[in-house]
C-alpha cells in the first residue's frame, strides 16, 4: 500500500470540522476540486468510503468518524515532531498558543504579559479565550500549547502546575447589611440568594459549591454571561455574588458596590498551568510557570 500523506489526513480533519467542501478547502488553503479529489484518492487507497457527499452538505461515514480520530493523533504527532526540531535550535523561540477562561484572562493578563514578554522575548504568545471544556478539548487535540485555568478534577489526565491561589470575595451593594460584618465568613451567607454566571463557567460551580455549603441559594431569576454583568447587577442592587479577587483590583469601590474579603478559611480557586502529558517544550513551560508565579507574588 502506498504511504498515506499527512496532507490527506488534514483534508479529512477539515471535512469533519467544517462539514462543507468549500469551507474545508479554504481552511486548508487549496481549491475545492483539489480537496475533493484527494479525499476520493484516499478512499480508493483505503478501500473505504470516508465521506458522504450530499448536494448541500457533507458528513463523514462511520468509518470516516473512527479514522479521523486516529488521523488527528498522527497530525498532532507530526506537529510535535516539527516543534521539537525547532526547539533544538532555540527552545525559547516560536509561538505559544495559550488558552484562558473569560473569568480570568482580562484580570490576570495585565499582570503577567509584560513579565512574560520580558523573560521570553523570542516567544510570541497567541492568546485564546474560551470556556474550560472547549479549551481542554483543544489542548488535547494539539491546537493549544498551554492553558491557565482554575484547577478541576477532570484535568487529572493532563499535567498541571500550581501557579497561585486566588481568593473569592463577596460583592454587595454599598448599603447591604453584610457590609457591617467585621469578621465575614461563609456562614454569613446562610439563606441569602447569590447571583451567578450562566452554566458552562467553572467559576459558577466553584463559587456555588462554597455558597451551598454555607446554606446559601442560587438566584434562579438571572444568570450572567460575564463577571462585568454580575458586577453591574450587584451595583444596581439586584443581589450579591462571589467574585475572584483579581477582578476587583483596580476597580473603584465608590460605584455603589463593596468588595468584602472573607476571614480564614477563605474560599479560593487554585489557578494552574495545564499541558498535555509528554509535551515537548518543557524548558519553555518551566520558564512560563516561574514567571507567572513571580508576577503575581504579593498581588493575590
C-alpha atoms as a PDB file:
ATOM      1  CA  UNK A   1       0.000   0.000   0.000  1.00  0.00           C
ATOM      2  CA  UNK A   2       1.212   3.496  -0.877  1.00  0.00           C
ATOM      3  CA  UNK A   3       2.166   5.621   2.132  1.00  0.00           C
ATOM      4  CA  UNK A   4      -0.685   7.875   3.239  1.00  0.00           C
ATOM      5  CA  UNK A   5       0.145  11.582   3.052  1.00  0.00           C
ATOM      6  CA  UNK A   6      -0.243  13.909   6.027  1.00  0.00           C
ATOM      7  CA  UNK A   7      -1.941  16.404   3.754  1.00  0.00           C
ATOM      8  CA  UNK A   8      -4.746  13.915   3.029  1.00  0.00           C
ATOM      9  CA  UNK A   9      -5.300  13.462   6.766  1.00  0.00           C
ATOM     10  CA  UNK A  10      -5.526  17.255   7.120  1.00  0.00           C
ATOM     11  CA  UNK A  11      -8.243  17.284   4.447  1.00  0.00           C
ATOM     12  CA  UNK A  12     -10.188  14.590   6.298  1.00  0.00           C
ATOM     13  CA  UNK A  13      -9.858  16.522   9.565  1.00  0.00           C
ATOM     14  CA  UNK A  14     -11.059  19.726   7.878  1.00  0.00           C
ATOM     15  CA  UNK A  15     -14.119  17.989   6.443  1.00  0.00           C
ATOM     16  CA  UNK A  16     -15.066  16.696   9.895  1.00  0.00           C
ATOM     17  CA  UNK A  17     -14.716  20.170  11.379  1.00  0.00           C
ATOM     18  CA  UNK A  18     -16.483  22.208   8.686  1.00  0.00           C
ATOM     19  CA  UNK A  19     -18.913  19.681   7.111  1.00  0.00           C
ATOM     20  CA  UNK A  20     -18.571  21.633   3.864  1.00  0.00           C
ATOM     21  CA  UNK A  21     -16.136  21.128   0.966  1.00  0.00           C
ATOM     22  CA  UNK A  22     -15.734  24.833   0.238  1.00  0.00           C
ATOM     23  CA  UNK A  23     -15.072  25.844   3.848  1.00  0.00           C
ATOM     24  CA  UNK A  24     -12.740  22.887   4.396  1.00  0.00           C
ATOM     25  CA  UNK A  25     -10.792  23.782   1.225  1.00  0.00           C
ATOM     26  CA  UNK A  26     -10.474  27.407   2.370  1.00  0.00           C
ATOM     27  CA  UNK A  27      -9.195  26.283   5.768  1.00  0.00           C
ATOM     28  CA  UNK A  28      -6.572  24.113   4.048  1.00  0.00           C
ATOM     29  CA  UNK A  29      -5.620  26.836   1.522  1.00  0.00           C
ATOM     30  CA  UNK A  30      -6.424  24.682  -1.505  1.00  0.00           C
ATOM     31  CA  UNK A  31      -9.148  24.681  -4.136  1.00  0.00           C
ATOM     32  CA  UNK A  32     -12.339  22.715  -3.569  1.00  0.00           C
ATOM     33  CA  UNK A  33     -11.682  20.332  -6.505  1.00  0.00           C
ATOM     34  CA  UNK A  34      -8.198  19.590  -5.121  1.00  0.00           C
ATOM     35  CA  UNK A  35      -9.520  18.705  -1.674  1.00  0.00           C
ATOM     36  CA  UNK A  36     -12.413  16.651  -3.032  1.00  0.00           C
ATOM     37  CA  UNK A  37     -10.169  14.812  -5.481  1.00  0.00           C
ATOM     38  CA  UNK A  38      -7.561  13.958  -2.858  1.00  0.00           C
ATOM     39  CA  UNK A  39     -10.205  12.593  -0.492  1.00  0.00           C
ATOM     40  CA  UNK A  40     -11.516  10.365  -3.284  1.00  0.00           C
ATOM     41  CA  UNK A  41      -7.976   9.071  -3.870  1.00  0.00           C
ATOM     42  CA  UNK A  42      -7.605   8.401  -0.136  1.00  0.00           C
ATOM     43  CA  UNK A  43     -10.863   6.434  -0.179  1.00  0.00           C
ATOM     44  CA  UNK A  44      -9.613   4.387  -3.139  1.00  0.00           C
ATOM     45  CA  UNK A  45      -6.307   3.804  -1.386  1.00  0.00           C
ATOM     46  CA  UNK A  46      -8.013   2.547   1.782  1.00  0.00           C
ATOM     47  CA  UNK A  47     -10.876   0.744   0.052  1.00  0.00           C
ATOM     48  CA  UNK A  48     -13.313   2.568   2.342  1.00  0.00           C
ATOM     49  CA  UNK A  49     -15.903   5.292   1.873  1.00  0.00           C
ATOM     50  CA  UNK A  50     -14.989   8.051   4.316  1.00  0.00           C
ATOM     51  CA  UNK A  51     -17.288  10.856   3.192  1.00  0.00           C
ATOM     52  CA  UNK A  52     -20.998  11.061   2.414  1.00  0.00           C
ATOM     53  CA  UNK A  53     -21.473  13.640  -0.329  1.00  0.00           C
ATOM     54  CA  UNK A  54     -24.804  15.447  -0.486  1.00  0.00           C
ATOM     55  CA  UNK A  55     -25.945  18.386  -2.551  1.00  0.00           C
ATOM     56  CA  UNK A  56     -25.921  20.943   0.246  1.00  0.00           C
ATOM     57  CA  UNK A  57     -23.723  19.370   2.902  1.00  0.00           C
ATOM     58  CA  UNK A  58     -21.134  16.711   3.570  1.00  0.00           C
ATOM     59  CA  UNK A  59     -20.504  14.380   6.500  1.00  0.00           C
ATOM     60  CA  UNK A  60     -18.248  11.520   7.440  1.00  0.00           C
ATOM     61  CA  UNK A  61     -19.321   7.899   7.271  1.00  0.00           C
ATOM     62  CA  UNK A  62     -18.997   5.762  10.424  1.00  0.00           C
ATOM     63  CA  UNK A  63     -15.628   4.590   9.079  1.00  0.00           C
ATOM     64  CA  UNK A  64     -14.599   8.189   8.481  1.00  0.00           C
ATOM     65  CA  UNK A  65     -15.633   9.207  12.007  1.00  0.00           C
ATOM     66  CA  UNK A  66     -13.457   6.466  13.505  1.00  0.00           C
ATOM     67  CA  UNK A  67     -10.428   7.110  11.291  1.00  0.00           C
ATOM     68  CA  UNK A  68     -10.459  10.911  11.742  1.00  0.00           C
ATOM     69  CA  UNK A  69      -9.690  10.338  15.449  1.00  0.00           C
ATOM     70  CA  UNK A  70      -6.517   8.444  14.516  1.00  0.00           C
ATOM     71  CA  UNK A  71      -5.772  10.991  11.802  1.00  0.00           C
ATOM     72  CA  UNK A  72      -5.669  13.747  14.416  1.00  0.00           C
ATOM     73  CA  UNK A  73      -3.289  11.724  16.567  1.00  0.00           C
ATOM     74  CA  UNK A  74      -0.955  11.381  13.588  1.00  0.00           C
ATOM     75  CA  UNK A  75      -1.218  15.103  12.783  1.00  0.00           C
ATOM     76  CA  UNK A  76      -0.540  16.039  16.403  1.00  0.00           C
ATOM     77  CA  UNK A  77       2.499  13.762  16.461  1.00  0.00           C
ATOM     78  CA  UNK A  78       3.779  15.393  13.269  1.00  0.00           C
ATOM     79  CA  UNK A  79       3.285  18.858  14.777  1.00  0.00           C
ATOM     80  CA  UNK A  80       5.134  17.811  17.937  1.00  0.00           C
ATOM     81  CA  UNK A  81       7.954  16.450  15.766  1.00  0.00           C
ATOM     82  CA  UNK A  82       8.233  19.775  13.959  1.00  0.00           C
ATOM     83  CA  UNK A  83       8.120  21.739  17.226  1.00  0.00           C
ATOM     84  CA  UNK A  84      10.781  19.529  18.761  1.00  0.00           C
ATOM     85  CA  UNK A  85      13.044  20.118  15.768  1.00  0.00           C
ATOM     86  CA  UNK A  86      12.602  23.892  16.138  1.00  0.00           C
ATOM     87  CA  UNK A  87      13.198  23.649  19.877  1.00  0.00           C
ATOM     88  CA  UNK A  88      16.581  22.055  19.237  1.00  0.00           C
ATOM     89  CA  UNK A  89      17.545  25.273  17.502  1.00  0.00           C
ATOM     90  CA  UNK A  90      16.120  27.537  20.237  1.00  0.00           C
ATOM     91  CA  UNK A  91      13.768  26.200  22.935  1.00  0.00           C
ATOM     92  CA  UNK A  92      12.790  29.751  23.860  1.00  0.00           C
ATOM     93  CA  UNK A  93      11.613  30.871  20.411  1.00  0.00           C
ATOM     94  CA  UNK A  94       8.463  30.396  18.331  1.00  0.00           C
ATOM     95  CA  UNK A  95       4.736  30.510  19.017  1.00  0.00           C
ATOM     96  CA  UNK A  96       2.961  29.511  22.210  1.00  0.00           C
ATOM     97  CA  UNK A  97      -0.822  29.187  21.943  1.00  0.00           C
ATOM     98  CA  UNK A  98      -2.148  29.932  25.436  1.00  0.00           C
ATOM     99  CA  UNK A  99      -5.768  29.369  26.470  1.00  0.00           C
ATOM    100  CA  UNK A 100      -7.514  31.194  29.306  1.00  0.00           C
ATOM    101  CA  UNK A 101     -11.107  31.448  30.536  1.00  0.00           C
ATOM    102  CA  UNK A 102     -13.151  34.696  30.418  1.00  0.00           C
ATOM    103  CA  UNK A 103     -13.330  34.982  34.221  1.00  0.00           C
ATOM    104  CA  UNK A 104      -9.521  35.046  34.430  1.00  0.00           C
ATOM    105  CA  UNK A 105      -7.987  36.359  31.201  1.00  0.00           C
ATOM    106  CA  UNK A 106      -8.834  40.106  31.388  1.00  0.00           C
ATOM    107  CA  UNK A 107      -7.836  40.328  35.045  1.00  0.00           C
ATOM    108  CA  UNK A 108      -4.642  38.230  35.035  1.00  0.00           C
ATOM    109  CA  UNK A 109      -3.094  39.182  31.693  1.00  0.00           C
ATOM    110  CA  UNK A 110      -2.345  42.827  32.634  1.00  0.00           C
ATOM    111  CA  UNK A 111      -0.147  41.497  35.454  1.00  0.00           C
ATOM    112  CA  UNK A 112       1.712  38.755  33.564  1.00  0.00           C
ATOM    113  CA  UNK A 113       2.079  39.638  29.873  1.00  0.00           C
ATOM    114  CA  UNK A 114       4.801  42.263  30.326  1.00  0.00           C
ATOM    115  CA  UNK A 115       6.932  39.946  32.516  1.00  0.00           C
ATOM    116  CA  UNK A 116       6.406  37.028  30.098  1.00  0.00           C
ATOM    117  CA  UNK A 117       7.424  39.157  27.123  1.00  0.00           C
ATOM    118  CA  UNK A 118      10.498  40.405  29.009  1.00  0.00           C
ATOM    119  CA  UNK A 119      11.600  36.933  30.124  1.00  0.00           C
ATOM    120  CA  UNK A 120      10.785  35.238  26.797  1.00  0.00           C
ATOM    121  CA  UNK A 121      11.380  37.925  24.141  1.00  0.00           C
ATOM    122  CA  UNK A 122      11.546  35.452  21.252  1.00  0.00           C
ATOM    123  CA  UNK A 123       8.258  33.756  22.116  1.00  0.00           C
ATOM    124  CA  UNK A 124       5.067  35.039  20.503  1.00  0.00           C
ATOM    125  CA  UNK A 125       2.156  34.404  22.843  1.00  0.00           C
ATOM    126  CA  UNK A 126      -1.083  33.800  20.929  1.00  0.00           C
ATOM    127  CA  UNK A 127      -3.990  34.081  23.355  1.00  0.00           C
ATOM    128  CA  UNK A 128      -7.250  32.142  23.124  1.00  0.00           C
ATOM    129  CA  UNK A 129     -10.228  32.838  25.399  1.00  0.00           C
ATOM    130  CA  UNK A 130     -12.989  30.287  25.845  1.00  0.00           C
ATOM    131  CA  UNK A 131     -14.776  28.163  28.423  1.00  0.00           C
ATOM    132  CA  UNK A 132     -12.881  25.413  30.223  1.00  0.00           C
ATOM    133  CA  UNK A 133     -14.400  22.431  28.417  1.00  0.00           C
ATOM    134  CA  UNK A 134     -13.574  23.813  24.970  1.00  0.00           C
ATOM    135  CA  UNK A 135     -10.030  24.797  25.975  1.00  0.00           C
ATOM    136  CA  UNK A 136      -9.295  21.327  27.364  1.00  0.00           C
ATOM    137  CA  UNK A 137     -10.572  19.731  24.168  1.00  0.00           C
ATOM    138  CA  UNK A 138      -8.347  21.979  22.035  1.00  0.00           C
ATOM    139  CA  UNK A 139      -5.364  21.257  24.261  1.00  0.00           C
ATOM    140  CA  UNK A 140      -5.991  17.520  23.892  1.00  0.00           C
ATOM    141  CA  UNK A 141      -6.224  17.929  20.107  1.00  0.00           C
ATOM    142  CA  UNK A 142      -2.918  19.804  19.946  1.00  0.00           C
ATOM    143  CA  UNK A 143      -4.494  23.102  18.896  1.00  0.00           C
ATOM    144  CA  UNK A 144      -3.303  24.836  22.067  1.00  0.00           C
ATOM    145  CA  UNK A 145       0.023  24.523  23.874  1.00  0.00           C
ATOM    146  CA  UNK A 146      -0.727  25.595  27.452  1.00  0.00           C
ATOM    147  CA  UNK A 147      -3.775  26.601  29.469  1.00  0.00           C
ATOM    148  CA  UNK A 148      -4.017  28.841  32.527  1.00  0.00           C
ATOM    149  CA  UNK A 149      -7.136  27.700  34.379  1.00  0.00           C
ATOM    150  CA  UNK A 150      -8.694  27.118  37.790  1.00  0.00           C
ATOM    151  CA  UNK A 151      -7.883  23.505  38.629  1.00  0.00           C
ATOM    152  CA  UNK A 152     -10.689  20.929  38.295  1.00  0.00           C
ATOM    153  CA  UNK A 153     -10.635  17.189  38.976  1.00  0.00           C
ATOM    154  CA  UNK A 154     -11.336  16.495  35.292  1.00  0.00           C
ATOM    155  CA  UNK A 155      -7.853  17.821  34.470  1.00  0.00           C
ATOM    156  CA  UNK A 156      -6.122  14.807  36.052  1.00  0.00           C
ATOM    157  CA  UNK A 157      -5.385  13.355  32.590  1.00  0.00           C
ATOM    158  CA  UNK A 158      -3.155  16.373  31.927  1.00  0.00           C
ATOM    159  CA  UNK A 159      -0.037  17.679  33.677  1.00  0.00           C
ATOM    160  CA  UNK A 160      -0.821  20.633  35.977  1.00  0.00           C
ATOM    161  CA  UNK A 161       1.482  23.123  37.688  1.00  0.00           C
ATOM    162  CA  UNK A 162       0.157  25.252  40.545  1.00  0.00           C
ATOM    163  CA  UNK A 163       0.548  28.994  39.921  1.00  0.00           C
ATOM    164  CA  UNK A 164      -1.329  30.694  42.776  1.00  0.00           C
ATOM    165  CA  UNK A 165      -4.455  30.530  44.922  1.00  0.00           C
ATOM    166  CA  UNK A 166      -6.941  33.299  44.131  1.00  0.00           C
ATOM    167  CA  UNK A 167      -9.358  34.273  46.921  1.00  0.00           C
ATOM    168  CA  UNK A 168     -13.046  34.813  46.179  1.00  0.00           C
ATOM    169  CA  UNK A 169     -14.549  37.948  47.725  1.00  0.00           C
ATOM    170  CA  UNK A 170     -18.145  38.941  48.373  1.00  0.00           C
ATOM    171  CA  UNK A 171     -19.530  41.738  46.190  1.00  0.00           C
ATOM    172  CA  UNK A 172     -22.514  43.569  47.703  1.00  0.00           C
ATOM    173  CA  UNK A 173     -24.480  46.775  47.092  1.00  0.00           C
ATOM    174  CA  UNK A 174     -22.977  49.547  49.219  1.00  0.00           C
ATOM    175  CA  UNK A 175     -25.886  49.619  51.727  1.00  0.00           C
ATOM    176  CA  UNK A 176     -26.209  45.851  52.179  1.00  0.00           C
ATOM    177  CA  UNK A 177     -26.446  44.584  55.811  1.00  0.00           C
ATOM    178  CA  UNK A 178     -23.459  42.258  55.331  1.00  0.00           C
ATOM    179  CA  UNK A 179     -21.230  45.300  54.857  1.00  0.00           C
ATOM    180  CA  UNK A 180     -21.340  45.813  58.623  1.00  0.00           C
ATOM    181  CA  UNK A 181     -19.792  42.408  59.405  1.00  0.00           C
ATOM    182  CA  UNK A 182     -16.264  42.882  60.739  1.00  0.00           C
ATOM    183  CA  UNK A 183     -15.292  39.213  60.530  1.00  0.00           C
ATOM    184  CA  UNK A 184     -17.125  37.951  57.456  1.00  0.00           C
ATOM    185  CA  UNK A 185     -17.245  34.191  56.967  1.00  0.00           C
ATOM    186  CA  UNK A 186     -19.114  31.902  54.645  1.00  0.00           C
ATOM    187  CA  UNK A 187     -21.772  31.084  57.246  1.00  0.00           C
ATOM    188  CA  UNK A 188     -22.971  34.719  56.973  1.00  0.00           C
ATOM    189  CA  UNK A 189     -24.312  33.776  53.521  1.00  0.00           C
ATOM    190  CA  UNK A 190     -26.857  31.379  55.042  1.00  0.00           C
ATOM    191  CA  UNK A 191     -30.309  31.838  53.425  1.00  0.00           C
ATOM    192  CA  UNK A 192     -29.013  34.583  51.099  1.00  0.00           C
ATOM    193  CA  UNK A 193     -29.677  34.386  47.346  1.00  0.00           C
ATOM    194  CA  UNK A 194     -26.489  34.517  45.244  1.00  0.00           C
ATOM    195  CA  UNK A 195     -26.270  35.902  41.712  1.00  0.00           C
ATOM    196  CA  UNK A 196     -24.341  33.544  39.414  1.00  0.00           C
ATOM    197  CA  UNK A 197     -22.854  33.157  35.961  1.00  0.00           C
ATOM    198  CA  UNK A 198     -24.622  31.047  33.372  1.00  0.00           C
ATOM    199  CA  UNK A 199     -23.941  27.309  33.103  1.00  0.00           C
ATOM    200  CA  UNK A 200     -20.645  26.342  31.481  1.00  0.00           C
ATOM    201  CA  UNK A 201     -18.439  28.659  33.560  1.00  0.00           C
ATOM    202  CA  UNK A 202     -16.342  26.671  36.020  1.00  0.00           C
ATOM    203  CA  UNK A 203     -16.355  29.676  38.380  1.00  0.00           C
ATOM    204  CA  UNK A 204     -20.095  29.215  38.840  1.00  0.00           C
ATOM    205  CA  UNK A 205     -19.652  25.642  40.076  1.00  0.00           C
ATOM    206  CA  UNK A 206     -16.743  26.572  42.332  1.00  0.00           C
ATOM    207  CA  UNK A 207     -18.410  29.637  43.855  1.00  0.00           C
ATOM    208  CA  UNK A 208     -21.759  27.952  44.353  1.00  0.00           C
ATOM    209  CA  UNK A 209     -20.049  24.965  45.945  1.00  0.00           C
ATOM    210  CA  UNK A 210     -18.880  27.273  48.723  1.00  0.00           C
ATOM    211  CA  UNK A 211     -22.255  29.025  48.884  1.00  0.00           C
ATOM    212  CA  UNK A 212     -24.312  25.828  49.046  1.00  0.00           C
ATOM    213  CA  UNK A 213     -22.104  24.515  51.842  1.00  0.00           C
ATOM    214  CA  UNK A 214     -22.957  27.692  53.771  1.00  0.00           C
ATOM    215  CA  UNK A 215     -26.691  27.290  53.186  1.00  0.00           C
ATOM    216  CA  UNK A 216     -26.997  29.990  50.535  1.00  0.00           C
ATOM    217  CA  UNK A 217     -29.225  29.653  47.486  1.00  0.00           C
ATOM    218  CA  UNK A 218     -28.705  30.366  43.806  1.00  0.00           C
ATOM    219  CA  UNK A 219     -30.776  33.268  42.474  1.00  0.00           C
ATOM    220  CA  UNK A 220     -32.539  31.425  39.658  1.00  0.00           C
ATOM    221  CA  UNK A 221     -34.138  34.579  38.241  1.00  0.00           C
ATOM    222  CA  UNK A 222     -30.983  35.675  36.416  1.00  0.00           C
ATOM    223  CA  UNK A 223     -27.715  34.206  35.128  1.00  0.00           C
ATOM    224  CA  UNK A 224     -24.964  36.488  33.863  1.00  0.00           C
ATOM    225  CA  UNK A 225     -22.786  35.895  30.792  1.00  0.00           C
ATOM    226  CA  UNK A 226     -19.759  37.675  32.294  1.00  0.00           C
ATOM    227  CA  UNK A 227     -18.271  38.980  35.527  1.00  0.00           C
ATOM    228  CA  UNK A 228     -18.863  42.528  34.352  1.00  0.00           C
ATOM    229  CA  UNK A 229     -22.591  41.831  34.039  1.00  0.00           C
ATOM    230  CA  UNK A 230     -22.571  40.390  37.551  1.00  0.00           C
ATOM    231  CA  UNK A 231     -20.769  43.493  38.791  1.00  0.00           C
ATOM    232  CA  UNK A 232     -23.405  45.809  37.265  1.00  0.00           C
ATOM    233  CA  UNK A 233     -26.231  43.699  38.702  1.00  0.00           C
ATOM    234  CA  UNK A 234     -24.762  43.996  42.193  1.00  0.00           C
ATOM    235  CA  UNK A 235     -24.119  47.742  41.816  1.00  0.00           C
ATOM    236  CA  UNK A 236     -27.766  48.212  40.862  1.00  0.00           C
ATOM    237  CA  UNK A 237     -28.943  46.460  44.000  1.00  0.00           C
ATOM    238  CA  UNK A 238     -30.053  43.222  42.335  1.00  0.00           C
ATOM    239  CA  UNK A 239     -28.243  40.984  44.826  1.00  0.00           C
ATOM    240  CA  UNK A 240     -24.856  39.743  45.997  1.00  0.00           C
ATOM    241  CA  UNK A 241     -22.259  37.458  44.418  1.00  0.00           C
ATOM    242  CA  UNK A 242     -18.775  35.989  44.772  1.00  0.00           C
ATOM    243  CA  UNK A 243     -16.054  37.468  42.533  1.00  0.00           C
ATOM    244  CA  UNK A 244     -12.419  36.427  42.046  1.00  0.00           C
ATOM    245  CA  UNK A 245     -10.047  38.823  43.813  1.00  0.00           C
ATOM    246  CA  UNK A 246      -8.214  39.770  40.599  1.00  0.00           C
ATOM    247  CA  UNK A 247     -11.496  41.014  39.120  1.00  0.00           C
ATOM    248  CA  UNK A 248     -11.853  43.524  41.947  1.00  0.00           C
ATOM    249  CA  UNK A 249      -8.367  45.042  41.734  1.00  0.00           C
ATOM    250  CA  UNK A 250      -8.007  48.499  40.274  1.00  0.00           C
ATOM    251  CA  UNK A 251     -11.801  48.872  40.296  1.00  0.00           C
ATOM    252  CA  UNK A 252     -13.348  51.837  42.092  1.00  0.00           C
ATOM    253  CA  UNK A 253     -15.375  50.814  45.136  1.00  0.00           C
ATOM    254  CA  UNK A 254     -17.412  54.032  45.020  1.00  0.00           C
ATOM    255  CA  UNK A 255     -19.791  52.864  42.289  1.00  0.00           C
ATOM    256  CA  UNK A 256     -22.498  51.533  44.641  1.00  0.00           C
ATOM    257  CA  UNK A 257     -20.604  48.292  45.262  1.00  0.00           C
ATOM    258  CA  UNK A 258     -18.431  46.928  48.071  1.00  0.00           C
ATOM    259  CA  UNK A 259     -15.893  44.080  47.946  1.00  0.00           C
ATOM    260  CA  UNK A 260     -15.692  42.188  51.214  1.00  0.00           C
ATOM    261  CA  UNK A 261     -12.880  39.691  51.935  1.00  0.00           C
ATOM    262  CA  UNK A 262     -13.714  36.578  53.918  1.00  0.00           C
ATOM    263  CA  UNK A 263     -11.901  35.653  57.104  1.00  0.00           C
ATOM    264  CA  UNK A 264      -9.921  32.413  57.194  1.00  0.00           C
ATOM    265  CA  UNK A 265     -10.525  29.894  55.817  1.00  0.00           C
ATOM    266  CA  UNK A 266     -11.126  31.923  52.664  1.00  0.00           C
ATOM    267  CA  UNK A 267     -12.902  30.483  49.636  1.00  0.00           C
ATOM    268  CA  UNK A 268     -10.338  30.252  46.848  1.00  0.00           C
ATOM    269  CA  UNK A 269      -9.772  28.842  43.406  1.00  0.00           C
ATOM    270  CA  UNK A 270      -6.411  27.247  42.538  1.00  0.00           C
ATOM    271  CA  UNK A 271      -5.026  28.658  39.285  1.00  0.00           C
ATOM    272  CA  UNK A 272      -2.874  26.164  37.386  1.00  0.00           C
ATOM    273  CA  UNK A 273      -0.921  25.886  34.165  1.00  0.00           C
ATOM    274  CA  UNK A 274      -2.079  22.822  32.214  1.00  0.00           C
ATOM    275  CA  UNK A 275      -0.251  20.968  29.438  1.00  0.00           C
ATOM    276  CA  UNK A 276      -0.530  17.646  27.634  1.00  0.00           C
ATOM    277  CA  UNK A 277       1.492  14.758  29.076  1.00  0.00           C
ATOM    278  CA  UNK A 278       4.925  14.482  27.394  1.00  0.00           C
ATOM    279  CA  UNK A 279       4.627  17.977  25.925  1.00  0.00           C
ATOM    280  CA  UNK A 280       7.883  18.677  24.083  1.00  0.00           C
ATOM    281  CA  UNK A 281       8.587  22.279  25.164  1.00  0.00           C
ATOM    282  CA  UNK A 282       9.179  21.752  28.851  1.00  0.00           C
ATOM    283  CA  UNK A 283      12.039  24.276  29.122  1.00  0.00           C
ATOM    284  CA  UNK A 284       9.641  26.953  27.943  1.00  0.00           C
ATOM    285  CA  UNK A 285       6.859  25.708  30.233  1.00  0.00           C
ATOM    286  CA  UNK A 286       9.109  25.884  33.292  1.00  0.00           C
ATOM    287  CA  UNK A 287      10.042  29.474  32.408  1.00  0.00           C
ATOM    288  CA  UNK A 288       6.382  30.461  31.963  1.00  0.00           C
ATOM    289  CA  UNK A 289       5.401  28.905  35.301  1.00  0.00           C
ATOM    290  CA  UNK A 290       8.233  30.647  37.175  1.00  0.00           C
ATOM    291  CA  UNK A 291       7.467  33.992  35.531  1.00  0.00           C
ATOM    292  CA  UNK A 292       3.740  33.924  36.320  1.00  0.00           C
ATOM    293  CA  UNK A 293       4.385  32.864  39.916  1.00  0.00           C
ATOM    294  CA  UNK A 294       6.783  35.762  40.384  1.00  0.00           C
ATOM    295  CA  UNK A 295       4.496  38.262  38.625  1.00  0.00           C
ATOM    296  CA  UNK A 296       1.516  37.597  40.903  1.00  0.00           C
ATOM    297  CA  UNK A 297       3.549  37.256  44.085  1.00  0.00           C
ATOM    298  CA  UNK A 298       2.228  39.804  46.557  1.00  0.00           C
ATOM    299  CA  UNK A 299      -0.773  40.668  44.338  1.00  0.00           C
ATOM    300  CA  UNK A 300      -3.153  37.875  45.366  1.00  0.00           C
END
